Protein backbone atom coordinates (compact mmCIF):
# COMPACT_ATOMS: atom_id res chain seq x y z
CA UNK A 1 52.21 40.32 20.74
CA UNK A 2 52.77 38.34 17.53
CA UNK A 3 50.00 37.87 15.11
CA UNK A 4 49.45 35.33 12.41
CA UNK A 5 47.66 37.04 9.44
CA UNK A 6 45.67 34.56 7.28
CA UNK A 7 42.56 33.50 9.19
CA UNK A 8 43.21 35.97 11.96
CA UNK A 9 43.48 39.42 10.37
CA UNK A 10 42.49 38.70 6.70
CA UNK A 11 40.28 36.01 5.40
CA UNK A 12 42.17 33.30 3.52
CA UNK A 13 40.35 30.35 1.86
CA UNK A 14 41.24 28.88 -1.52
CA UNK A 15 37.45 27.98 -1.97
CA UNK A 16 36.66 31.73 -2.13
CA UNK A 17 38.13 31.60 -5.50
CA UNK A 18 37.61 28.07 -6.76
CA UNK A 19 33.86 27.91 -6.05
CA UNK A 20 33.61 30.53 -8.77
CA UNK A 21 35.55 28.42 -11.10
CA UNK A 22 34.13 24.87 -10.49
CA UNK A 23 30.52 24.15 -10.94
CA UNK A 24 31.12 20.72 -9.48
CA UNK A 25 32.17 20.75 -5.68
CA UNK A 26 33.55 17.30 -5.74
CA UNK A 27 35.83 18.12 -8.77
CA UNK A 28 36.92 21.30 -6.95
CA UNK A 29 37.86 19.28 -3.78
CA UNK A 30 39.75 16.81 -5.92
CA UNK A 31 41.60 19.61 -7.49
CA UNK A 32 42.43 21.15 -4.02
CA UNK A 33 43.55 17.79 -2.59
CA UNK A 34 45.37 16.19 -5.48
CA UNK A 35 46.45 19.03 -7.87
CA UNK A 36 47.00 22.10 -5.84
CA UNK A 37 47.05 20.50 -2.55
CA UNK A 38 47.59 22.08 0.88
CA UNK A 39 51.10 20.58 0.96
CA UNK A 40 51.82 22.18 -2.49
CA UNK A 41 50.64 25.58 -1.18
CA UNK A 42 52.90 25.16 1.85
CA UNK A 43 55.84 24.78 -0.47
CA UNK A 44 54.80 28.15 -1.96
CA UNK A 45 54.66 29.56 1.61
CA UNK A 46 58.29 28.00 2.10
CA UNK A 47 59.62 30.09 -0.85
CA UNK A 48 58.84 28.01 -4.05
CA UNK A 49 58.26 30.79 -6.67
CA UNK A 50 54.87 30.80 -8.17
CA UNK A 51 56.10 30.98 -11.74
CA UNK A 52 58.03 27.69 -11.28
CA UNK A 53 55.28 26.00 -9.28
CA UNK A 54 52.44 26.84 -11.62
CA UNK A 55 54.57 25.60 -14.66
CA UNK A 56 55.38 22.31 -12.88
CA UNK A 57 51.69 21.81 -11.99
CA UNK A 58 50.60 22.36 -15.61
CA UNK A 59 53.13 19.91 -16.81
CA UNK A 60 51.92 17.27 -14.43
CA UNK A 61 48.16 18.05 -14.73
CA UNK A 62 47.62 19.58 -18.20
CA UNK A 63 43.80 18.86 -17.91
CA UNK A 64 43.56 21.61 -15.04
CA UNK A 65 45.86 24.20 -16.78
CA UNK A 66 43.38 27.05 -16.58
CA UNK A 67 42.42 26.28 -12.94
CA UNK A 68 46.18 26.17 -12.14
CA UNK A 69 46.89 29.45 -13.75
CA UNK A 70 44.05 30.99 -11.77
CA UNK A 71 45.86 30.11 -8.65
CA UNK A 72 48.30 32.87 -9.45
CA UNK A 73 46.27 35.11 -11.72
CA UNK A 74 43.32 35.47 -9.38
CA UNK A 75 45.10 34.86 -6.08
CA UNK A 76 43.53 37.89 -4.48
CA UNK A 77 40.12 36.39 -4.63
CA UNK A 78 41.34 33.84 -2.01
CA UNK A 79 41.72 36.87 0.45
CA UNK A 80 38.49 38.76 -0.04
CA UNK A 81 38.07 40.63 3.22
CA UNK A 82 39.41 41.50 6.64
CA UNK A 83 38.28 39.15 9.46
CA UNK A 84 35.55 40.93 11.28
CA UNK A 85 36.67 42.68 14.47
CA UNK A 86 40.35 41.76 14.62
CA UNK A 87 41.65 45.01 13.06
CA UNK A 88 39.87 46.98 15.73
CA UNK A 89 41.52 44.89 18.38
CA UNK A 90 44.99 45.43 16.71
CA UNK A 91 44.39 49.18 16.91
CA UNK A 92 43.34 49.13 20.47
CA UNK A 93 46.35 47.22 21.42
CA UNK A 94 48.52 49.65 19.52
CA UNK A 95 47.25 52.35 21.88
CA UNK A 96 48.51 50.45 24.96
CA UNK A 97 52.17 50.48 23.87
CA UNK A 98 52.37 46.76 23.46
CA UNK A 99 54.83 45.84 20.64
CA UNK A 100 52.98 44.32 17.66
CA UNK A 101 54.71 41.95 15.26
CA UNK A 102 53.79 39.36 12.71
CA UNK A 103 54.65 35.82 11.90
CA UNK A 104 53.02 34.46 8.82
CA UNK A 105 53.17 31.66 6.37
CA UNK A 106 53.00 33.59 3.06
CA UNK A 107 54.73 33.47 -0.27
CA UNK A 108 56.98 36.38 -1.07
CA UNK A 109 55.14 36.57 -4.35
CA UNK A 110 51.68 37.19 -2.84
CA UNK A 111 52.51 38.98 0.43
CA UNK A 112 53.04 42.28 -1.16
CA UNK A 113 49.67 41.91 -2.87
CA UNK A 114 48.04 41.33 0.59
CA UNK A 115 49.81 44.37 2.04
CA UNK A 116 48.65 46.49 -0.83
CA UNK A 117 44.97 45.31 -0.43
CA UNK A 118 45.07 45.36 3.39
CA UNK A 119 47.18 48.39 4.54
CA UNK A 120 46.89 47.11 8.25
CA UNK A 121 49.47 44.43 7.22
CA UNK A 122 51.99 47.13 6.67
CA UNK A 123 51.64 48.68 10.32
CA UNK A 124 53.39 45.99 12.32
CA UNK A 125 56.73 46.81 13.78
CA UNK A 126 58.32 43.62 12.11
CA UNK A 127 57.06 40.78 10.23
CA UNK A 128 58.66 37.30 9.77
CA UNK A 129 57.35 36.03 6.31
CA UNK A 130 57.92 32.33 5.83
CA UNK A 131 58.67 32.60 2.11
CA UNK A 132 61.61 34.90 2.77
CA UNK A 133 62.98 32.62 5.48
CA UNK A 134 62.39 29.28 3.72
CA UNK A 135 60.83 27.76 6.73
CA UNK A 136 57.16 27.48 7.71
CA UNK A 137 54.98 27.25 10.75
CA UNK A 138 54.60 24.94 12.70
CA UNK A 139 58.29 24.26 12.52
CA UNK A 140 59.90 25.36 15.88
CA UNK A 141 62.83 27.00 14.05
CA UNK A 142 60.65 29.75 12.59
CA UNK A 143 59.30 30.69 16.02
CA UNK A 144 62.86 30.73 17.31
CA UNK A 145 63.92 32.99 14.51
CA UNK A 146 61.02 35.31 15.19
CA UNK A 147 61.86 35.67 18.91
CA UNK A 148 65.53 36.35 17.89
CA UNK A 149 64.49 38.85 15.28
CA UNK A 150 62.08 40.80 17.57
CA UNK A 151 64.71 40.69 20.29
CA UNK A 152 62.68 39.03 22.94
CA UNK A 153 62.66 35.91 25.12
CA UNK A 154 60.06 33.55 23.65
CA UNK A 155 58.49 33.46 27.18
CA UNK A 156 57.69 37.19 26.71
CA UNK A 157 55.63 36.60 23.44
CA UNK A 158 51.95 36.16 23.21
CA UNK A 159 51.33 34.58 19.77
CA UNK A 160 47.91 34.45 18.11
CA UNK A 161 47.07 32.00 15.38
CA UNK A 162 43.88 30.23 14.09
CA UNK A 163 45.62 26.84 13.64
CA UNK A 164 46.12 24.40 16.54
CA UNK A 165 49.35 23.01 15.05
CA UNK A 166 50.82 26.44 14.94
CA UNK A 167 49.85 27.10 18.44
CA UNK A 168 51.65 23.92 19.49
CA UNK A 169 54.70 24.99 17.38
CA UNK A 170 54.78 28.25 19.37
CA UNK A 171 54.39 26.58 22.72
CA UNK A 172 57.18 24.20 21.92
CA UNK A 173 59.75 27.01 22.04
CA UNK A 174 58.31 28.57 25.16
CA UNK A 175 55.91 31.16 23.75
CA UNK A 176 52.53 31.87 25.24
CA UNK A 177 49.78 31.34 22.63
CA UNK A 178 46.09 31.88 22.05
CA UNK A 179 44.22 29.99 19.42
CA UNK A 180 41.98 32.40 17.44
CA UNK A 181 38.27 31.41 17.11
CA UNK A 182 36.94 34.98 16.26
CA UNK A 183 37.55 38.47 17.43
CA UNK A 184 34.91 38.15 20.26
CA UNK A 185 36.78 35.27 21.71
CA UNK A 186 40.21 36.96 21.25
CA UNK A 187 38.92 40.07 23.01
CA UNK A 188 37.69 38.02 26.02
CA UNK A 189 41.03 36.29 26.29
CA UNK A 190 42.97 39.62 26.15
CA UNK A 191 40.70 41.26 28.71
CA UNK A 192 41.30 38.12 30.96
CA UNK A 193 45.03 38.58 30.55
CA UNK A 194 44.78 42.31 31.39
CA UNK A 195 45.92 43.51 28.03
CA UNK A 196 42.69 45.15 27.00
CA UNK A 197 40.03 47.01 29.07
CA UNK A 198 36.66 45.47 29.49
């Protein structure tokens, strides 16, 4: 089994941080859509170094300098907790002998911080981190790389991710995939597949 991490094992939402910083919700949403957008964040996940990315954003949006700096300085506040119930499922799967690997869109600057905060992220047999590979989900190439790295046929993989585009990316290379909508649903799906006991 191959797990995504953000949104499946650990909570990840930029608003966990920026709701503390912005008093005005509309101004926050403008910041997250126009200044430090999802596309910009994806480039961090593709390997753009935080130091360079932050400096470039401040140059182009000096009026948001403090908020942009917080994107790095207070990054850990975007990942406040484990997702309820998923860690327990991972530990149950571990006792069955199923190989457990990771495939995550994550910056190489922040992934060590996440592993230090959430030790379960250090327990997987192998992890493909997008920032290290300079490619991101849902691009088919990163799923192909993961299967090759783990030494398995894509058809032998069951991939779990919370995003539908990533599920489609996995399926496009022949992987089996489950979209995550919470631990209870995941457990039901895995029991249905015979991978966990009821």
